[in-house]
Amino acid sequence: MATEKVFPMTQAGKDKLVQELEYLKSVKRKEVVERIKIARSFGDLSENSEYDSAKEEQAFVEGRITTLENMVRNAKIIAESEIVGDSVILGRSVTFVELPDGDEETYTIVGSAEADPFEGKISNDSPIAKSLLGKKVGDQVSVQTPGGEMSVRIVNIK
């Protein structure tokens, strides 16, 4: 029997997933079923683009529900008490400066289930996070990215 993937995340990340799951189950699922009913009333289903679109949306919603249920069921909450020490670990925010130009960036290292680069949250599976994990303030780190290698210096961890 295969072992299911564990999804490390903060409590806030899990709460956000549960909220999305509840919305999909209680609101979105009903909306899609109603769209399918309306599209069926238009007649011939073989040439009914509304029906096809509604069925595609239904498949997407059901797939997302299954994914979220799996993530919530296999969530491993990273407790505040586990975030100790002075190195970069899951749940911490890290600020680094790109070398040599000095652009400063701050990211919070989170599990893949709650990663959102637009909110400054990067997955612990990302190339940047993998390179930073375990490092300390002042360390210079080489990061392999799809655009090539870059060097950074860690200036703050919180």
N, C-alpha and C. Protein backbone atom coordinates (compact mmCIF):
# COMPACT_ATOMS: atom_id res chain seq x y z
N MET A 1 0.84 -1.18 0.00
CA MET A 1 0.00 0.00 0.00
C MET A 1 0.89 1.25 0.00
N ALA A 2 0.59 2.18 -0.88
CA ALA A 2 1.38 3.39 -1.01
C ALA A 2 1.12 4.34 0.15
N THR A 3 2.16 5.00 0.59
CA THR A 3 2.02 5.98 1.65
C THR A 3 1.52 7.28 1.03
N GLU A 4 0.51 7.89 1.67
CA GLU A 4 -0.01 9.15 1.14
C GLU A 4 0.93 10.29 1.49
N LYS A 5 1.01 11.26 0.60
CA LYS A 5 1.87 12.41 0.81
C LYS A 5 1.36 13.23 1.99
N VAL A 6 2.28 13.67 2.83
CA VAL A 6 1.96 14.54 3.95
C VAL A 6 2.14 15.97 3.47
N PHE A 7 1.21 16.84 3.87
CA PHE A 7 1.25 18.24 3.47
C PHE A 7 1.54 19.11 4.68
N PRO A 8 2.82 19.49 4.88
CA PRO A 8 3.13 20.37 6.00
C PRO A 8 2.54 21.75 5.75
N MET A 9 1.93 22.34 6.79
CA MET A 9 1.33 23.67 6.64
C MET A 9 1.08 24.29 8.00
N THR A 10 0.85 25.58 7.96
CA THR A 10 0.48 26.28 9.18
C THR A 10 -1.00 26.05 9.45
N GLN A 11 -1.44 26.37 10.65
CA GLN A 11 -2.87 26.25 10.96
C GLN A 11 -3.68 27.19 10.08
N ALA A 12 -3.16 28.38 9.82
CA ALA A 12 -3.85 29.34 8.96
C ALA A 12 -4.00 28.79 7.54
N GLY A 13 -2.97 28.09 7.05
CA GLY A 13 -3.03 27.48 5.74
C GLY A 13 -4.09 26.40 5.67
N LYS A 14 -4.17 25.58 6.71
CA LYS A 14 -5.19 24.53 6.75
C LYS A 14 -6.58 25.14 6.82
N ASP A 15 -6.73 26.17 7.64
CA ASP A 15 -8.03 26.84 7.75
C ASP A 15 -8.49 27.39 6.40
N LYS A 16 -7.56 27.94 5.64
CA LYS A 16 -7.89 28.49 4.31
C LYS A 16 -8.35 27.37 3.37
N LEU A 17 -7.67 26.22 3.41
CA LEU A 17 -8.08 25.08 2.58
C LEU A 17 -9.46 24.57 2.98
N VAL A 18 -9.72 24.48 4.27
CA VAL A 18 -11.02 24.01 4.76
C VAL A 18 -12.11 24.97 4.30
N GLN A 19 -11.83 26.26 4.36
CA GLN A 19 -12.80 27.27 3.93
C GLN A 19 -13.11 27.12 2.43
N GLU A 20 -12.08 26.94 1.61
CA GLU A 20 -12.30 26.75 0.17
C GLU A 20 -13.09 25.47 -0.08
N LEU A 21 -12.77 24.41 0.65
CA LEU A 21 -13.46 23.13 0.50
C LEU A 21 -14.95 23.28 0.82
N GLU A 22 -15.25 23.95 1.91
CA GLU A 22 -16.65 24.16 2.29
C GLU A 22 -17.40 24.97 1.24
N TYR A 23 -16.75 26.00 0.69
CA TYR A 23 -17.36 26.81 -0.35
C TYR A 23 -17.67 25.96 -1.59
N LEU A 24 -16.71 25.17 -2.00
CA LEU A 24 -16.91 24.33 -3.18
C LEU A 24 -18.05 23.33 -2.97
N LYS A 25 -18.11 22.73 -1.79
CA LYS A 25 -19.13 21.72 -1.51
C LYS A 25 -20.51 22.34 -1.32
N SER A 26 -20.59 23.46 -0.64
CA SER A 26 -21.90 24.00 -0.29
C SER A 26 -22.45 25.02 -1.29
N VAL A 27 -21.59 25.71 -2.02
CA VAL A 27 -22.06 26.75 -2.94
C VAL A 27 -21.78 26.39 -4.40
N LYS A 28 -20.51 26.22 -4.71
CA LYS A 28 -20.11 26.05 -6.11
C LYS A 28 -20.70 24.80 -6.75
N ARG A 29 -20.71 23.70 -6.00
CA ARG A 29 -21.25 22.45 -6.52
C ARG A 29 -22.71 22.63 -6.93
N LYS A 30 -23.50 23.32 -6.10
CA LYS A 30 -24.92 23.56 -6.39
C LYS A 30 -25.09 24.47 -7.61
N GLU A 31 -24.23 25.48 -7.72
CA GLU A 31 -24.29 26.38 -8.88
C GLU A 31 -24.05 25.62 -10.18
N VAL A 32 -23.08 24.73 -10.17
CA VAL A 32 -22.75 23.97 -11.38
C VAL A 32 -23.89 23.01 -11.74
N VAL A 33 -24.48 22.36 -10.76
CA VAL A 33 -25.61 21.46 -11.03
C VAL A 33 -26.76 22.25 -11.65
N GLU A 34 -26.99 23.45 -11.16
CA GLU A 34 -28.06 24.29 -11.72
C GLU A 34 -27.74 24.68 -13.17
N ARG A 35 -26.48 25.00 -13.45
CA ARG A 35 -26.07 25.32 -14.83
C ARG A 35 -26.31 24.13 -15.75
N ILE A 36 -26.03 22.93 -15.27
CA ILE A 36 -26.25 21.73 -16.08
C ILE A 36 -27.74 21.56 -16.36
N LYS A 37 -28.59 21.76 -15.35
CA LYS A 37 -30.04 21.64 -15.54
C LYS A 37 -30.53 22.62 -16.60
N ILE A 38 -30.08 23.86 -16.50
CA ILE A 38 -30.50 24.88 -17.46
C ILE A 38 -30.02 24.52 -18.86
N ALA A 39 -28.77 24.08 -18.98
CA ALA A 39 -28.21 23.72 -20.28
C ALA A 39 -28.94 22.54 -20.89
N ARG A 40 -29.38 21.60 -20.08
CA ARG A 40 -30.14 20.45 -20.59
C ARG A 40 -31.46 20.90 -21.21
N SER A 41 -32.04 21.94 -20.64
CA SER A 41 -33.33 22.41 -21.15
C SER A 41 -33.22 23.03 -22.54
N PHE A 42 -32.00 23.31 -23.00
CA PHE A 42 -31.81 23.89 -24.32
C PHE A 42 -31.96 22.86 -25.44
N GLY A 43 -32.05 21.59 -25.09
CA GLY A 43 -32.29 20.57 -26.11
C GLY A 43 -31.07 19.71 -26.39
N ASP A 44 -30.88 19.39 -27.65
CA ASP A 44 -29.86 18.46 -28.14
C ASP A 44 -28.51 18.67 -27.45
N LEU A 45 -28.09 17.68 -26.64
CA LEU A 45 -26.85 17.80 -25.88
C LEU A 45 -25.60 17.63 -26.75
N SER A 46 -25.74 17.01 -27.93
CA SER A 46 -24.57 16.77 -28.77
C SER A 46 -23.98 18.06 -29.33
N GLU A 47 -24.78 19.11 -29.44
CA GLU A 47 -24.28 20.38 -29.98
C GLU A 47 -24.53 21.53 -28.99
N ASN A 48 -24.55 21.20 -27.73
CA ASN A 48 -24.89 22.17 -26.70
C ASN A 48 -23.61 22.60 -25.96
N SER A 49 -23.07 23.75 -26.36
CA SER A 49 -21.82 24.22 -25.77
C SER A 49 -22.00 24.62 -24.30
N GLU A 50 -23.17 25.11 -23.93
CA GLU A 50 -23.44 25.45 -22.53
C GLU A 50 -23.34 24.21 -21.65
N TYR A 51 -23.91 23.11 -22.14
CA TYR A 51 -23.89 21.85 -21.40
C TYR A 51 -22.44 21.35 -21.27
N ASP A 52 -21.71 21.38 -22.37
CA ASP A 52 -20.31 20.93 -22.35
C ASP A 52 -19.48 21.76 -21.37
N SER A 53 -19.69 23.07 -21.38
CA SER A 53 -18.97 23.96 -20.49
C SER A 53 -19.30 23.67 -19.02
N ALA A 54 -20.59 23.47 -18.75
CA ALA A 54 -21.02 23.18 -17.38
C ALA A 54 -20.46 21.84 -16.89
N LYS A 55 -20.42 20.85 -17.76
CA LYS A 55 -19.87 19.54 -17.39
C LYS A 55 -18.36 19.63 -17.13
N GLU A 56 -17.66 20.44 -17.93
CA GLU A 56 -16.23 20.64 -17.70
C GLU A 56 -15.98 21.33 -16.36
N GLU A 57 -16.82 22.32 -16.05
CA GLU A 57 -16.67 22.99 -14.77
C GLU A 57 -16.97 22.04 -13.61
N GLN A 58 -17.96 21.18 -13.80
CA GLN A 58 -18.30 20.20 -12.77
C GLN A 58 -17.11 19.27 -12.52
N ALA A 59 -16.47 18.82 -13.58
CA ALA A 59 -15.30 17.94 -13.43
C ALA A 59 -14.18 18.67 -12.69
N PHE A 60 -13.96 19.94 -13.01
CA PHE A 60 -12.92 20.71 -12.33
C PHE A 60 -13.24 20.85 -10.84
N VAL A 61 -14.48 21.22 -10.52
CA VAL A 61 -14.88 21.42 -9.12
C VAL A 61 -14.74 20.12 -8.34
N GLU A 62 -15.20 19.02 -8.90
CA GLU A 62 -15.11 17.73 -8.20
C GLU A 62 -13.66 17.31 -8.01
N GLY A 63 -12.81 17.58 -9.00
CA GLY A 63 -11.38 17.27 -8.87
C GLY A 63 -10.73 18.11 -7.78
N ARG A 64 -11.09 19.38 -7.73
CA ARG A 64 -10.53 20.26 -6.70
C ARG A 64 -10.99 19.84 -5.31
N ILE A 65 -12.26 19.43 -5.18
CA ILE A 65 -12.77 18.94 -3.90
C ILE A 65 -11.97 17.73 -3.44
N THR A 66 -11.73 16.80 -4.35
CA THR A 66 -10.96 15.59 -4.01
C THR A 66 -9.54 15.97 -3.56
N THR A 67 -8.91 16.88 -4.29
CA THR A 67 -7.57 17.33 -3.94
C THR A 67 -7.53 17.99 -2.56
N LEU A 68 -8.48 18.88 -2.31
CA LEU A 68 -8.52 19.58 -1.02
C LEU A 68 -8.80 18.61 0.13
N GLU A 69 -9.70 17.67 -0.08
CA GLU A 69 -9.99 16.68 0.97
C GLU A 69 -8.73 15.90 1.32
N ASN A 70 -7.96 15.52 0.31
CA ASN A 70 -6.71 14.80 0.54
C ASN A 70 -5.70 15.67 1.31
N MET A 71 -5.58 16.93 0.91
CA MET A 71 -4.64 17.82 1.58
C MET A 71 -5.03 18.05 3.04
N VAL A 72 -6.30 18.26 3.30
CA VAL A 72 -6.76 18.49 4.67
C VAL A 72 -6.58 17.23 5.51
N ARG A 73 -6.92 16.08 4.94
CA ARG A 73 -6.81 14.80 5.66
C ARG A 73 -5.35 14.50 6.01
N ASN A 74 -4.42 14.86 5.14
CA ASN A 74 -3.00 14.54 5.33
C ASN A 74 -2.17 15.74 5.76
N ALA A 75 -2.83 16.76 6.31
CA ALA A 75 -2.11 17.95 6.76
C ALA A 75 -1.29 17.64 8.01
N LYS A 76 -0.09 18.18 8.04
CA LYS A 76 0.73 18.13 9.25
C LYS A 76 0.97 19.58 9.65
N ILE A 77 0.32 19.97 10.73
CA ILE A 77 0.40 21.35 11.19
C ILE A 77 1.76 21.62 11.81
N ILE A 78 2.40 22.68 11.35
CA ILE A 78 3.68 23.12 11.91
C ILE A 78 3.33 24.07 13.05
N ALA A 79 3.52 23.61 14.26
CA ALA A 79 3.19 24.39 15.46
C ALA A 79 4.24 25.47 15.69
N GLU A 80 3.78 26.58 16.27
CA GLU A 80 4.70 27.67 16.60
C GLU A 80 5.87 27.17 17.45
N SER A 81 5.59 26.22 18.35
CA SER A 81 6.63 25.71 19.25
C SER A 81 7.72 24.95 18.50
N GLU A 82 7.41 24.49 17.27
CA GLU A 82 8.40 23.77 16.46
C GLU A 82 9.32 24.72 15.72
N ILE A 83 8.95 26.00 15.66
CA ILE A 83 9.74 26.98 14.91
C ILE A 83 10.71 27.64 15.89
N VAL A 84 11.78 26.92 16.19
CA VAL A 84 12.79 27.40 17.13
C VAL A 84 14.15 27.45 16.46
N GLY A 85 15.08 28.09 17.11
CA GLY A 85 16.43 28.19 16.56
C GLY A 85 16.58 29.42 15.69
N ASP A 86 17.72 29.50 15.03
CA ASP A 86 18.00 30.70 14.24
C ASP A 86 18.28 30.39 12.78
N SER A 87 17.85 29.23 12.32
CA SER A 87 18.07 28.88 10.91
C SER A 87 16.75 28.90 10.15
N VAL A 88 16.86 28.88 8.84
CA VAL A 88 15.68 28.89 7.96
C VAL A 88 15.01 27.52 8.02
N ILE A 89 13.75 27.50 8.44
CA ILE A 89 12.96 26.27 8.48
C ILE A 89 11.54 26.59 8.01
N LEU A 90 10.78 25.54 7.80
CA LEU A 90 9.39 25.68 7.40
C LEU A 90 8.64 26.53 8.41
N GLY A 91 7.88 27.52 7.93
CA GLY A 91 7.11 28.39 8.80
C GLY A 91 7.78 29.72 9.09
N ARG A 92 9.04 29.86 8.73
CA ARG A 92 9.78 31.10 8.97
C ARG A 92 9.79 31.99 7.74
N SER A 93 9.92 33.29 8.00
CA SER A 93 10.13 34.26 6.92
C SER A 93 11.62 34.53 6.83
N VAL A 94 12.10 34.59 5.61
CA VAL A 94 13.52 34.84 5.39
C VAL A 94 13.68 36.00 4.40
N THR A 95 14.56 36.92 4.76
CA THR A 95 14.87 38.05 3.88
C THR A 95 16.29 37.84 3.39
N PHE A 96 16.44 37.97 2.08
CA PHE A 96 17.78 37.83 1.49
C PHE A 96 18.00 38.92 0.47
N VAL A 97 19.29 39.16 0.20
CA VAL A 97 19.70 40.15 -0.79
C VAL A 97 20.34 39.40 -1.94
N GLU A 98 19.87 39.71 -3.14
CA GLU A 98 20.50 39.12 -4.33
C GLU A 98 21.87 39.76 -4.52
N LEU A 99 22.84 38.94 -4.85
CA LEU A 99 24.18 39.44 -5.09
C LEU A 99 24.45 39.45 -6.59
N PRO A 100 25.08 40.39 -7.14
CA PRO A 100 25.71 41.55 -6.52
C PRO A 100 24.82 42.79 -6.47
N ASP A 101 23.65 42.81 -7.12
CA ASP A 101 22.89 44.06 -7.25
C ASP A 101 22.13 44.50 -6.01
N GLY A 102 21.92 43.62 -5.06
CA GLY A 102 21.35 44.03 -3.79
C GLY A 102 19.84 44.12 -3.71
N ASP A 103 19.09 43.54 -4.64
CA ASP A 103 17.64 43.53 -4.52
C ASP A 103 17.24 42.66 -3.33
N GLU A 104 16.46 43.23 -2.41
CA GLU A 104 16.07 42.51 -1.21
C GLU A 104 14.68 41.89 -1.41
N GLU A 105 14.54 40.64 -1.00
CA GLU A 105 13.28 39.93 -1.11
C GLU A 105 13.01 39.18 0.19
N THR A 106 11.71 39.09 0.54
CA THR A 106 11.30 38.37 1.74
C THR A 106 10.24 37.35 1.37
N TYR A 107 10.44 36.13 1.83
CA TYR A 107 9.47 35.06 1.59
C TYR A 107 9.27 34.27 2.88
N THR A 108 8.07 33.74 3.02
CA THR A 108 7.79 32.80 4.10
C THR A 108 7.84 31.41 3.50
N ILE A 109 8.57 30.50 4.13
CA ILE A 109 8.68 29.12 3.64
C ILE A 109 7.49 28.34 4.20
N VAL A 110 6.66 27.82 3.31
CA VAL A 110 5.46 27.07 3.70
C VAL A 110 5.42 25.75 2.94
N GLY A 111 4.49 24.89 3.32
CA GLY A 111 4.29 23.65 2.59
C GLY A 111 3.67 23.93 1.22
N SER A 112 3.77 22.98 0.32
CA SER A 112 3.28 23.18 -1.04
C SER A 112 1.80 23.48 -1.10
N ALA A 113 1.03 22.99 -0.13
CA ALA A 113 -0.42 23.19 -0.14
C ALA A 113 -0.82 24.64 0.07
N GLU A 114 0.01 25.43 0.73
CA GLU A 114 -0.37 26.82 0.98
C GLU A 114 0.55 27.83 0.30
N ALA A 115 1.38 27.37 -0.62
CA ALA A 115 2.28 28.27 -1.33
C ALA A 115 1.49 29.25 -2.19
N ASP A 116 1.91 30.51 -2.15
CA ASP A 116 1.30 31.56 -2.96
C ASP A 116 2.35 32.65 -3.14
N PRO A 117 3.14 32.56 -4.21
CA PRO A 117 4.22 33.53 -4.39
C PRO A 117 3.76 34.98 -4.42
N PHE A 118 2.52 35.23 -4.85
CA PHE A 118 2.02 36.60 -4.89
C PHE A 118 1.79 37.16 -3.49
N GLU A 119 1.66 36.28 -2.50
CA GLU A 119 1.53 36.69 -1.10
C GLU A 119 2.85 36.51 -0.35
N GLY A 120 3.93 36.21 -1.07
CA GLY A 120 5.23 36.05 -0.44
C GLY A 120 5.41 34.71 0.25
N LYS A 121 4.63 33.71 -0.12
CA LYS A 121 4.73 32.38 0.49
C LYS A 121 5.23 31.41 -0.58
N ILE A 122 6.41 30.82 -0.33
CA ILE A 122 6.96 29.88 -1.31
C ILE A 122 7.02 28.48 -0.71
N SER A 123 6.85 27.50 -1.58
CA SER A 123 6.85 26.11 -1.18
C SER A 123 8.23 25.66 -0.73
N ASN A 124 8.23 24.80 0.29
CA ASN A 124 9.50 24.22 0.73
C ASN A 124 10.11 23.32 -0.34
N ASP A 125 9.34 22.99 -1.37
CA ASP A 125 9.84 22.19 -2.49
C ASP A 125 10.43 23.04 -3.61
N SER A 126 10.31 24.36 -3.52
CA SER A 126 10.82 25.24 -4.57
C SER A 126 12.35 25.29 -4.52
N PRO A 127 12.99 25.59 -5.65
CA PRO A 127 14.46 25.65 -5.66
C PRO A 127 15.03 26.67 -4.66
N ILE A 128 14.38 27.82 -4.54
CA ILE A 128 14.88 28.84 -3.61
C ILE A 128 14.80 28.33 -2.18
N ALA A 129 13.63 27.81 -1.79
CA ALA A 129 13.46 27.33 -0.42
C ALA A 129 14.41 26.18 -0.11
N LYS A 130 14.54 25.25 -1.04
CA LYS A 130 15.45 24.11 -0.81
C LYS A 130 16.87 24.59 -0.54
N SER A 131 17.28 25.64 -1.25
CA SER A 131 18.64 26.17 -1.06
C SER A 131 18.79 26.90 0.26
N LEU A 132 17.70 27.52 0.75
CA LEU A 132 17.77 28.33 1.96
C LEU A 132 17.58 27.53 3.25
N LEU A 133 16.86 26.42 3.17
CA LEU A 133 16.55 25.64 4.37
C LEU A 133 17.83 25.23 5.11
N GLY A 134 17.82 25.48 6.42
CA GLY A 134 18.96 25.12 7.26
C GLY A 134 20.03 26.19 7.35
N LYS A 135 19.95 27.23 6.53
CA LYS A 135 20.97 28.29 6.54
C LYS A 135 20.64 29.33 7.61
N LYS A 136 21.65 30.18 7.91
CA LYS A 136 21.52 31.19 8.96
C LYS A 136 21.78 32.59 8.40
N VAL A 137 21.47 33.61 9.21
CA VAL A 137 21.73 35.00 8.83
C VAL A 137 23.21 35.16 8.54
N GLY A 138 23.51 35.82 7.42
CA GLY A 138 24.89 36.05 7.01
C GLY A 138 25.40 35.03 6.01
N ASP A 139 24.74 33.88 5.92
CA ASP A 139 25.17 32.85 4.97
C ASP A 139 24.96 33.33 3.53
N GLN A 140 25.93 33.01 2.68
CA GLN A 140 25.78 33.26 1.25
C GLN A 140 25.39 31.93 0.62
N VAL A 141 24.32 31.96 -0.18
CA VAL A 141 23.75 30.73 -0.72
C VAL A 141 23.65 30.83 -2.23
N SER A 142 24.00 29.75 -2.89
CA SER A 142 23.84 29.66 -4.34
C SER A 142 22.51 28.96 -4.61
N VAL A 143 21.66 29.60 -5.43
CA VAL A 143 20.33 29.07 -5.72
C VAL A 143 20.24 28.75 -7.21
N GLN A 144 19.89 27.51 -7.51
CA GLN A 144 19.72 27.10 -8.90
C GLN A 144 18.27 27.36 -9.27
N THR A 145 18.03 28.26 -10.22
CA THR A 145 16.67 28.58 -10.67
C THR A 145 16.54 28.23 -12.14
N PRO A 146 15.31 28.17 -12.65
CA PRO A 146 15.14 27.90 -14.08
C PRO A 146 15.86 28.91 -14.97
N GLY A 147 16.04 30.14 -14.47
CA GLY A 147 16.73 31.17 -15.24
C GLY A 147 18.23 31.16 -15.06
N GLY A 148 18.74 30.22 -14.30
CA GLY A 148 20.18 30.15 -14.06
C GLY A 148 20.47 30.25 -12.57
N GLU A 149 21.75 30.26 -12.26
CA GLU A 149 22.17 30.29 -10.87
C GLU A 149 22.23 31.73 -10.37
N MET A 150 21.79 31.93 -9.12
CA MET A 150 21.92 33.24 -8.50
C MET A 150 22.48 33.06 -7.09
N SER A 151 23.17 34.08 -6.63
CA SER A 151 23.72 34.05 -5.27
C SER A 151 22.94 35.04 -4.42
N VAL A 152 22.68 34.63 -3.18
CA VAL A 152 21.98 35.50 -2.24
C VAL A 152 22.68 35.44 -0.89
N ARG A 153 22.48 36.50 -0.11
CA ARG A 153 22.98 36.54 1.26
C ARG A 153 21.77 36.73 2.17
N ILE A 154 21.64 35.90 3.18
CA ILE A 154 20.52 35.97 4.12
C ILE A 154 20.77 37.12 5.08
N VAL A 155 19.79 38.03 5.17
CA VAL A 155 19.96 39.19 6.06
C VAL A 155 19.02 39.16 7.26
N ASN A 156 17.95 38.37 7.22
CA ASN A 156 17.03 38.32 8.35
C ASN A 156 16.20 37.03 8.30
N ILE A 157 15.94 36.50 9.47
CA ILE A 157 15.06 35.33 9.60
C ILE A 157 14.12 35.63 10.76
N LYS A 158 12.82 35.47 10.52
CA LYS A 158 11.88 35.67 11.64
C LYS A 158 10.73 34.70 11.55
